[in-house]
């Protein structure tokens, strides 16, 4: 007889296996007449240097993008390729940098939330709903909002925002390294 199929290997310790984001929620919202839907995420809340970069994205349902995922699980090369595709195919996107002075004045969380609100206000068309990565909503949203923990791994629009924010922040940090190489950023 045949040998039983082996179960799939477990991911290495510290690696979380995540299914690709699903458009299920967004399709349901569109069917109920809730569109445009924006995803919003940030990069740079943990590092000791540089800005927090926030992105907001409204994906175009007629121009799907394959390969979207949480930016932290993608290689820099894959993020760069997706960055270009997202900018080309998204219905709208914005990227906002929150600099050190504002972070120091407000604190990192409040500065991030303020950046999210700014990024969402810049979208044209204005979203009817913002899906925000995390467990808190910014004040002064231009629309209704929903916080989604691990949203960057679950919602395509948040994944797209995650990729834009991370790629833009990495580019800024490379630029800063050229100016201040002694910090080895």
Protein backbone atom coordinates (compact mmCIF):
# COMPACT_ATOMS: atom_id res chain seq x y z
CA UNK A 1 0.00 0.00 0.00
CA UNK A 2 0.69 3.65 0.02
CA UNK A 3 2.40 5.45 2.85
CA UNK A 4 0.26 8.03 4.62
CA UNK A 5 0.96 11.62 3.63
CA UNK A 6 3.35 13.40 5.95
CA UNK A 7 1.97 16.42 7.73
CA UNK A 8 3.42 19.74 6.55
CA UNK A 9 6.60 20.78 8.32
CA UNK A 10 6.15 23.27 11.11
CA UNK A 11 7.63 26.70 10.44
CA UNK A 12 10.97 27.37 12.19
CA UNK A 13 10.74 28.59 15.78
CA UNK A 14 9.84 32.28 15.89
CA UNK A 15 8.25 32.22 12.42
CA UNK A 16 4.50 32.39 12.20
CA UNK A 17 2.88 30.73 9.19
CA UNK A 18 0.28 33.13 7.87
CA UNK A 19 -2.19 32.67 5.05
CA UNK A 20 -2.21 35.46 2.47
CA UNK A 21 -4.64 38.29 3.16
CA UNK A 22 -8.19 37.67 1.97
CA UNK A 23 -10.43 40.09 0.08
CA UNK A 24 -13.45 38.46 1.79
CA UNK A 25 -14.13 41.38 4.14
CA UNK A 26 -13.61 44.01 1.45
CA UNK A 27 -15.87 42.17 -1.02
CA UNK A 28 -18.57 42.02 1.65
CA UNK A 29 -18.24 45.74 2.33
CA UNK A 30 -18.43 46.58 -1.37
CA UNK A 31 -21.59 44.44 -1.72
CA UNK A 32 -23.13 46.52 1.09
CA UNK A 33 -22.19 49.73 -0.72
CA UNK A 34 -19.24 50.60 1.51
CA UNK A 35 -16.52 51.75 -0.86
CA UNK A 36 -13.89 53.10 -1.05
CA UNK A 37 -12.23 51.18 1.77
CA UNK A 38 -8.73 52.28 2.80
CA UNK A 39 -6.07 50.30 4.60
CA UNK A 40 -3.60 52.11 6.84
CA UNK A 41 -0.37 50.97 8.52
CA UNK A 42 2.95 52.32 9.76
CA UNK A 43 6.61 51.41 9.83
CA UNK A 44 9.18 52.60 12.33
CA UNK A 45 7.52 52.59 15.74
CA UNK A 46 10.18 50.35 17.30
CA UNK A 47 13.51 51.66 15.96
CA UNK A 48 15.65 54.14 17.86
CA UNK A 49 16.21 56.47 14.90
CA UNK A 50 14.34 57.92 11.97
CA UNK A 51 10.75 58.85 11.29
CA UNK A 52 7.58 56.86 11.62
CA UNK A 53 6.22 56.45 8.10
CA UNK A 54 2.50 55.90 7.58
CA UNK A 55 0.76 54.84 4.40
CA UNK A 56 -2.89 54.65 3.41
CA UNK A 57 -4.11 52.72 0.37
CA UNK A 58 -7.41 52.26 -1.44
CA UNK A 59 -7.07 49.20 -3.64
CA UNK A 60 -8.89 49.04 -6.97
CA UNK A 61 -11.11 45.91 -7.01
CA UNK A 62 -10.77 45.82 -10.83
CA UNK A 63 -6.95 45.69 -10.62
CA UNK A 64 -6.05 43.00 -8.05
CA UNK A 65 -2.49 42.67 -6.79
CA UNK A 66 -1.17 39.19 -6.03
CA UNK A 67 1.49 38.60 -3.40
CA UNK A 68 0.30 41.12 -0.81
CA UNK A 69 1.37 40.22 2.72
CA UNK A 70 2.60 41.80 5.92
CA UNK A 71 5.74 43.71 4.90
CA UNK A 72 7.72 42.07 7.71
CA UNK A 73 7.49 38.64 6.04
CA UNK A 74 8.55 39.84 2.59
CA UNK A 75 12.11 40.31 1.35
CA UNK A 76 13.28 43.84 0.53
CA UNK A 77 13.35 42.86 -3.15
CA UNK A 78 9.76 41.60 -3.06
CA UNK A 79 8.59 44.70 -1.15
CA UNK A 80 10.24 46.96 -3.74
CA UNK A 81 8.53 45.13 -6.61
CA UNK A 82 5.15 45.25 -4.87
CA UNK A 83 5.67 48.95 -4.00
CA UNK A 84 5.74 49.79 -7.70
CA UNK A 85 2.71 47.60 -8.49
CA UNK A 86 0.71 49.08 -5.61
CA UNK A 87 1.52 52.65 -6.71
CA UNK A 88 0.49 51.76 -10.26
CA UNK A 89 -2.73 49.82 -9.56
CA UNK A 90 -4.15 51.33 -6.36
CA UNK A 91 -7.12 53.64 -6.70
CA UNK A 92 -5.39 56.02 -4.26
CA UNK A 93 -2.45 56.00 -1.88
CA UNK A 94 -0.59 58.41 0.37
CA UNK A 95 2.59 58.24 2.41
CA UNK A 96 3.25 60.50 5.41
CA UNK A 97 6.46 60.84 7.41
CA UNK A 98 6.19 61.77 11.10
CA UNK A 99 9.49 63.31 12.14
CA UNK A 100 11.35 63.11 15.47
CA UNK A 101 10.16 66.50 16.77
CA UNK A 102 6.52 65.51 16.54
CA UNK A 103 7.27 62.08 18.00
CA UNK A 104 9.07 63.71 20.95
CA UNK A 105 6.26 66.20 21.48
CA UNK A 106 3.33 63.75 21.27
CA UNK A 107 4.89 60.34 22.09
CA UNK A 108 5.34 57.54 19.57
CA UNK A 109 1.78 56.19 19.73
CA UNK A 110 0.04 59.56 19.41
CA UNK A 111 2.42 60.66 16.64
CA UNK A 112 1.68 57.44 14.74
CA UNK A 113 -2.08 57.90 15.12
CA UNK A 114 -1.79 61.55 13.97
CA UNK A 115 0.18 60.38 10.92
CA UNK A 116 -2.52 57.81 10.14
CA UNK A 117 -5.23 60.46 10.22
CA UNK A 118 -3.14 62.72 7.93
CA UNK A 119 -2.48 59.90 5.45
CA UNK A 120 -6.19 59.03 5.29
CA UNK A 121 -7.17 62.70 4.82
CA UNK A 122 -4.85 62.88 1.78
CA UNK A 123 -6.63 60.10 -0.13
CA UNK A 124 -8.66 61.06 -3.17
CA UNK A 125 -11.30 59.72 -3.34
CA UNK A 126 -11.99 59.98 0.36
CA UNK A 127 -12.60 56.58 1.96
CA UNK A 128 -15.94 55.61 3.48
CA UNK A 129 -14.16 53.22 5.86
CA UNK A 130 -10.59 52.96 7.10
CA UNK A 131 -9.18 49.61 8.19
CA UNK A 132 -6.37 50.42 10.62
CA UNK A 133 -3.66 47.97 11.65
CA UNK A 134 -3.59 47.68 15.43
CA UNK A 135 -5.97 48.06 18.33
CA UNK A 136 -6.55 51.83 18.34
CA UNK A 137 -8.17 54.29 16.00
CA UNK A 138 -6.77 57.75 15.34
CA UNK A 139 -8.82 60.81 16.23
CA UNK A 140 -9.93 63.04 13.38
CA UNK A 141 -10.51 60.29 10.83
CA UNK A 142 -12.15 61.44 7.58
CA UNK A 143 -14.49 58.43 7.74
CA UNK A 144 -15.61 55.51 9.87
CA UNK A 145 -12.76 53.33 11.12
CA UNK A 146 -12.14 49.80 12.26
CA UNK A 147 -9.00 48.71 14.13
CA UNK A 148 -7.79 45.22 13.19
CA UNK A 149 -5.07 43.52 15.22
CA UNK A 150 -2.55 41.94 12.81
CA UNK A 151 -4.48 43.59 10.00
CA UNK A 152 -1.30 43.80 7.92
CA UNK A 153 -1.44 40.01 7.61
CA UNK A 154 -5.23 39.79 7.20
CA UNK A 155 -6.48 42.64 5.02
CA UNK A 156 -5.11 43.31 1.52
CA UNK A 157 -5.43 47.11 1.77
CA UNK A 158 -3.58 47.13 5.09
CA UNK A 159 -0.92 44.79 3.63
CA UNK A 160 -0.48 47.22 0.75
CA UNK A 161 -0.13 50.14 3.18
CA UNK A 162 2.37 48.12 5.23
CA UNK A 163 4.50 47.55 2.12
CA UNK A 164 4.42 51.22 1.09
CA UNK A 165 5.28 52.43 4.59
CA UNK A 166 8.14 49.96 5.12
CA UNK A 167 9.65 50.52 1.67
CA UNK A 168 9.46 54.32 1.99
CA UNK A 169 10.96 54.25 5.49
CA UNK A 170 13.80 51.94 4.42
CA UNK A 171 14.61 54.32 1.55
CA UNK A 172 14.65 57.27 3.97
CA UNK A 173 16.93 55.40 6.37
CA UNK A 174 19.35 54.61 3.50
CA UNK A 175 19.34 58.33 2.62
CA UNK A 176 20.02 59.25 6.25
CA UNK A 177 22.88 56.75 6.35
CA UNK A 178 24.55 58.59 3.47
CA UNK A 179 24.38 61.83 5.47
CA UNK A 180 25.24 60.31 8.88
CA UNK A 181 27.25 57.10 8.25
CA UNK A 182 28.65 57.16 11.78
CA UNK A 183 25.30 55.86 13.05
CA UNK A 184 25.46 52.77 10.80
CA UNK A 185 21.76 52.96 10.05
